[in-house]
Amino acid sequence: MDCPGCQHPDTRVVDSREAVDSIRRRRECQACFHRFTTFERVEFRLPDVLKRDGRRQTFNRDKLLSGMRLACRKRPVSEEQLDAACACLEQELSRRSGEVTTSEVGEMALRELARLDDVAYLRFASVYHEITSPADFLQVLRPLLERGQPT
């Protein structure tokens, strides 16, 4: 690992800690003693995503996380909870071979959001299911009301 300060190739690990889906390492340069942090994350072999228009794309964690983050805006859901939800989703996807559809990824995201926060689930579902009327919205809301949990 090259030092970001002086580009010296010799650094040592001072501290390691496990994070939600990664390992956080604190490093120190042996030449200039500059300290910096790196994160190591297991790279999953993820399937391609088949879009509605027939195109294929590599799964993009950041795109999914961005959508989930937007749904959770001003809700009591921490960044760590969102990271953990994305990590669960990635693990599930890594067990699949071939490709997955955007609808499968969307349903998996909805399942994770329903576990975290009902309002975030509704926000994501309203965009994902392209809700255009109160009747459509009621269809998405009905399972939450039947569960009897406050929204």
C-alpha atoms as a PDB file:
ATOM      1  CA  MET A   1       0.000   0.000   0.000  1.00  0.00           C
ATOM      2  CA  ASP A   2       1.558   3.277  -1.106  1.00  0.00           C
ATOM      3  CA  CYS A   3       1.451   6.242   1.260  1.00  0.00           C
ATOM      4  CA  PRO A   4      -0.953   8.911  -0.043  1.00  0.00           C
ATOM      5  CA  GLY A   5       1.357  11.579   1.414  1.00  0.00           C
ATOM      6  CA  CYS A   6       4.779  10.676   0.004  1.00  0.00           C
ATOM      7  CA  GLN A   7       4.007   7.658  -2.248  1.00  0.00           C
ATOM      8  CA  HIS A   8       6.462   5.483  -0.290  1.00  0.00           C
ATOM      9  CA  PRO A   9       5.533   1.803  -0.828  1.00  0.00           C
ATOM     10  CA  ASP A  10       6.212   0.669   2.756  1.00  0.00           C
ATOM     11  CA  THR A  11       3.328   1.132   5.211  1.00  0.00           C
ATOM     12  CA  ARG A  12       2.334  -0.847   8.255  1.00  0.00           C
ATOM     13  CA  VAL A  13      -1.070  -1.604   9.779  1.00  0.00           C
ATOM     14  CA  VAL A  14      -1.476   0.116  13.148  1.00  0.00           C
ATOM     15  CA  ASP A  15      -5.062  -0.959  13.885  1.00  0.00           C
ATOM     16  CA  SER A  16      -7.744  -3.164  12.278  1.00  0.00           C
ATOM     17  CA  ARG A  17     -11.446  -3.167  13.051  1.00  0.00           C
ATOM     18  CA  GLU A  18     -14.388  -4.916  11.469  1.00  0.00           C
ATOM     19  CA  ALA A  19     -17.125  -2.737  10.033  1.00  0.00           C
ATOM     20  CA  VAL A  20     -20.527  -3.807   8.706  1.00  0.00           C
ATOM     21  CA  ASP A  21     -19.301  -5.230   5.406  1.00  0.00           C
ATOM     22  CA  SER A  22     -15.613  -4.344   5.453  1.00  0.00           C
ATOM     23  CA  ILE A  23     -12.435  -4.173   7.494  1.00  0.00           C
ATOM     24  CA  ARG A  24     -11.175  -0.742   8.514  1.00  0.00           C
ATOM     25  CA  ARG A  25      -7.385  -0.525   8.714  1.00  0.00           C
ATOM     26  CA  ARG A  26      -5.397   2.348  10.144  1.00  0.00           C
ATOM     27  CA  ARG A  27      -1.987   2.506   8.448  1.00  0.00           C
ATOM     28  CA  GLU A  28       1.243   4.403   8.977  1.00  0.00           C
ATOM     29  CA  CYS A  29       3.927   5.220   6.416  1.00  0.00           C
ATOM     30  CA  GLN A  30       7.361   3.948   7.402  1.00  0.00           C
ATOM     31  CA  ALA A  31       9.063   6.879   5.660  1.00  0.00           C
ATOM     32  CA  CYS A  32       7.074  10.019   6.607  1.00  0.00           C
ATOM     33  CA  PHE A  33       4.914   8.559   9.442  1.00  0.00           C
ATOM     34  CA  HIS A  34       1.731   9.870   7.792  1.00  0.00           C
ATOM     35  CA  ARG A  35      -1.339   7.974   9.085  1.00  0.00           C
ATOM     36  CA  PHE A  36      -4.285   7.109   6.872  1.00  0.00           C
ATOM     37  CA  THR A  37      -7.288   4.781   6.802  1.00  0.00           C
ATOM     38  CA  THR A  38      -8.176   2.110   4.260  1.00  0.00           C
ATOM     39  CA  PHE A  39     -11.259  -0.079   3.967  1.00  0.00           C
ATOM     40  CA  GLU A  40     -11.165  -3.625   2.644  1.00  0.00           C
ATOM     41  CA  ARG A  41     -14.384  -5.168   1.407  1.00  0.00           C
ATOM     42  CA  VAL A  42     -14.989  -8.649   0.088  1.00  0.00           C
ATOM     43  CA  GLU A  43     -15.698  -8.449  -3.602  1.00  0.00           C
ATOM     44  CA  PHE A  44     -18.739 -10.513  -4.445  1.00  0.00           C
ATOM     45  CA  ARG A  45     -19.146 -11.989  -7.890  1.00  0.00           C
ATOM     46  CA  LEU A  46     -22.456 -10.398  -8.703  1.00  0.00           C
ATOM     47  CA  PRO A  47     -24.728 -11.238 -11.624  1.00  0.00           C
ATOM     48  CA  ASP A  48     -25.548  -8.765 -14.359  1.00  0.00           C
ATOM     49  CA  VAL A  49     -28.823  -6.873 -14.074  1.00  0.00           C
ATOM     50  CA  LEU A  50     -31.278  -7.161 -16.942  1.00  0.00           C
ATOM     51  CA  LYS A  51     -33.018  -3.805 -17.377  1.00  0.00           C
ATOM     52  CA  ARG A  52     -36.656  -3.434 -18.458  1.00  0.00           C
ATOM     53  CA  ASP A  53     -35.584  -2.267 -21.915  1.00  0.00           C
ATOM     54  CA  GLY A  54     -33.435  -5.384 -22.448  1.00  0.00           C
ATOM     55  CA  ARG A  55     -30.035  -3.838 -21.705  1.00  0.00           C
ATOM     56  CA  ARG A  56     -27.637  -5.591 -19.338  1.00  0.00           C
ATOM     57  CA  GLN A  57     -25.642  -3.719 -16.720  1.00  0.00           C
ATOM     58  CA  THR A  58     -23.234  -4.663 -14.003  1.00  0.00           C
ATOM     59  CA  PHE A  59     -24.882  -4.473 -10.582  1.00  0.00           C
ATOM     60  CA  ASN A  60     -24.213  -1.032  -9.116  1.00  0.00           C
ATOM     61  CA  ARG A  61     -24.279  -0.982  -5.316  1.00  0.00           C
ATOM     62  CA  ASP A  62     -23.955   2.794  -5.201  1.00  0.00           C
ATOM     63  CA  LYS A  63     -27.028   3.256  -7.382  1.00  0.00           C
ATOM     64  CA  LEU A  64     -29.104   0.981  -5.156  1.00  0.00           C
ATOM     65  CA  LEU A  65     -27.774   2.589  -1.983  1.00  0.00           C
ATOM     66  CA  SER A  66     -28.572   6.036  -3.379  1.00  0.00           C
ATOM     67  CA  GLY A  67     -32.202   5.062  -4.004  1.00  0.00           C
ATOM     68  CA  MET A  68     -32.537   3.513  -0.569  1.00  0.00           C
ATOM     69  CA  ARG A  69     -30.878   6.550   1.017  1.00  0.00           C
ATOM     70  CA  LEU A  70     -33.379   8.830  -0.702  1.00  0.00           C
ATOM     71  CA  ALA A  71     -36.283   6.719   0.583  1.00  0.00           C
ATOM     72  CA  CYS A  72     -34.867   6.919   4.121  1.00  0.00           C
ATOM     73  CA  ARG A  73     -34.285  10.666   4.041  1.00  0.00           C
ATOM     74  CA  LYS A  74     -35.341  12.270   7.348  1.00  0.00           C
ATOM     75  CA  ARG A  75     -36.251   8.851   8.764  1.00  0.00           C
ATOM     76  CA  PRO A  76     -34.695   7.123  11.792  1.00  0.00           C
ATOM     77  CA  VAL A  77     -32.523   4.842   9.657  1.00  0.00           C
ATOM     78  CA  SER A  78     -28.756   5.070  10.076  1.00  0.00           C
ATOM     79  CA  GLU A  79     -26.155   4.836   7.334  1.00  0.00           C
ATOM     80  CA  GLU A  80     -24.902   1.640   9.016  1.00  0.00           C
ATOM     81  CA  GLN A  81     -28.357   0.076   8.727  1.00  0.00           C
ATOM     82  CA  LEU A  82     -28.488   0.962   5.032  1.00  0.00           C
ATOM     83  CA  ASP A  83     -24.996  -0.455   4.470  1.00  0.00           C
ATOM     84  CA  ALA A  84     -25.999  -3.662   6.236  1.00  0.00           C
ATOM     85  CA  ALA A  85     -29.176  -3.923   4.128  1.00  0.00           C
ATOM     86  CA  CYS A  86     -27.148  -3.493   0.929  1.00  0.00           C
ATOM     87  CA  ALA A  87     -24.609  -6.048   2.154  1.00  0.00           C
ATOM     88  CA  CYS A  88     -27.421  -8.589   2.740  1.00  0.00           C
ATOM     89  CA  LEU A  89     -28.771  -7.881  -0.711  1.00  0.00           C
ATOM     90  CA  GLU A  90     -25.324  -8.308  -2.287  1.00  0.00           C
ATOM     91  CA  GLN A  91     -24.795 -11.610  -0.472  1.00  0.00           C
ATOM     92  CA  GLU A  92     -28.113 -12.894  -1.744  1.00  0.00           C
ATOM     93  CA  LEU A  93     -27.260 -11.768  -5.281  1.00  0.00           C
ATOM     94  CA  SER A  94     -23.802 -13.362  -5.107  1.00  0.00           C
ATOM     95  CA  ARG A  95     -25.422 -16.781  -4.601  1.00  0.00           C
ATOM     96  CA  ARG A  96     -27.225 -16.463  -7.918  1.00  0.00           C
ATOM     97  CA  SER A  97     -25.723 -17.245 -11.267  1.00  0.00           C
ATOM     98  CA  GLY A  98     -26.424 -15.699 -14.632  1.00  0.00           C
ATOM     99  CA  GLU A  99     -28.431 -12.518 -14.416  1.00  0.00           C
ATOM    100  CA  VAL A 100     -31.199 -10.953 -12.361  1.00  0.00           C
ATOM    101  CA  THR A 101     -33.902  -8.559 -13.437  1.00  0.00           C
ATOM    102  CA  THR A 102     -34.355  -5.057 -12.103  1.00  0.00           C
ATOM    103  CA  SER A 103     -37.695  -6.185 -10.695  1.00  0.00           C
ATOM    104  CA  GLU A 104     -35.961  -8.881  -8.617  1.00  0.00           C
ATOM    105  CA  VAL A 105     -33.449  -6.355  -7.273  1.00  0.00           C
ATOM    106  CA  GLY A 106     -36.278  -3.899  -6.561  1.00  0.00           C
ATOM    107  CA  GLU A 107     -38.284  -6.501  -4.655  1.00  0.00           C
ATOM    108  CA  MET A 108     -35.223  -7.427  -2.611  1.00  0.00           C
ATOM    109  CA  ALA A 109     -34.652  -3.740  -1.794  1.00  0.00           C
ATOM    110  CA  LEU A 110     -38.295  -3.362  -0.790  1.00  0.00           C
ATOM    111  CA  ARG A 111     -38.007  -6.352   1.534  1.00  0.00           C
ATOM    112  CA  GLU A 112     -34.961  -4.810   3.232  1.00  0.00           C
ATOM    113  CA  LEU A 113     -36.636  -1.403   3.545  1.00  0.00           C
ATOM    114  CA  ALA A 114     -39.806  -2.957   4.985  1.00  0.00           C
ATOM    115  CA  ARG A 115     -37.606  -4.449   7.689  1.00  0.00           C
ATOM    116  CA  LEU A 116     -36.068  -1.042   8.445  1.00  0.00           C
ATOM    117  CA  ASP A 117     -38.850   1.532   8.165  1.00  0.00           C
ATOM    118  CA  ASP A 118     -42.437   1.494   6.852  1.00  0.00           C
ATOM    119  CA  VAL A 119     -42.338   5.045   5.507  1.00  0.00           C
ATOM    120  CA  ALA A 120     -39.075   4.417   3.650  1.00  0.00           C
ATOM    121  CA  TYR A 121     -40.649   1.268   2.217  1.00  0.00           C
ATOM    122  CA  LEU A 122     -43.653   3.280   0.979  1.00  0.00           C
ATOM    123  CA  ARG A 123     -41.459   5.961  -0.562  1.00  0.00           C
ATOM    124  CA  PHE A 124     -39.341   3.414  -2.432  1.00  0.00           C
ATOM    125  CA  ALA A 125     -42.421   1.396  -3.465  1.00  0.00           C
ATOM    126  CA  SER A 126     -44.208   4.475  -4.801  1.00  0.00           C
ATOM    127  CA  VAL A 127     -41.341   5.123  -7.227  1.00  0.00           C
ATOM    128  CA  TYR A 128     -40.486   1.485  -7.928  1.00  0.00           C
ATOM    129  CA  HIS A 129     -44.100   0.455  -8.660  1.00  0.00           C
ATOM    130  CA  GLU A 130     -44.725   3.709 -10.585  1.00  0.00           C
ATOM    131  CA  ILE A 131     -47.760   4.575  -8.483  1.00  0.00           C
ATOM    132  CA  THR A 132     -49.995   7.036 -10.302  1.00  0.00           C
ATOM    133  CA  SER A 133     -53.235   6.981  -8.311  1.00  0.00           C
ATOM    134  CA  PRO A 134     -54.481   6.770  -4.729  1.00  0.00           C
ATOM    135  CA  ALA A 135     -55.849   3.297  -5.496  1.00  0.00           C
ATOM    136  CA  ASP A 136     -52.365   2.127  -6.532  1.00  0.00           C
ATOM    137  CA  PHE A 137     -50.911   3.631  -3.370  1.00  0.00           C
ATOM    138  CA  LEU A 138     -53.554   1.912  -1.241  1.00  0.00           C
ATOM    139  CA  GLN A 139     -52.555  -1.430  -2.781  1.00  0.00           C
ATOM    140  CA  VAL A 140     -48.976  -0.907  -1.579  1.00  0.00           C
ATOM    141  CA  LEU A 141     -50.138   0.401   1.795  1.00  0.00           C
ATOM    142  CA  ARG A 142     -52.651  -2.391   2.504  1.00  0.00           C
ATOM    143  CA  PRO A 143     -50.086  -5.084   3.565  1.00  0.00           C
ATOM    144  CA  LEU A 144     -48.568  -2.633   6.056  1.00  0.00           C
ATOM    145  CA  LEU A 145     -51.979  -1.815   7.516  1.00  0.00           C
ATOM    146  CA  GLU A 146     -52.845  -5.506   7.770  1.00  0.00           C
ATOM    147  CA  ARG A 147     -49.643  -6.096   9.737  1.00  0.00           C
ATOM    148  CA  GLY A 148     -51.022  -3.712  12.318  1.00  0.00           C
ATOM    149  CA  GLN A 149     -47.775  -1.800  12.781  1.00  0.00           C
ATOM    150  CA  PRO A 150     -47.754   1.966  12.924  1.00  0.00           C
ATOM    151  CA  THR A 151     -46.382   3.687   9.844  1.00  0.00           C
END
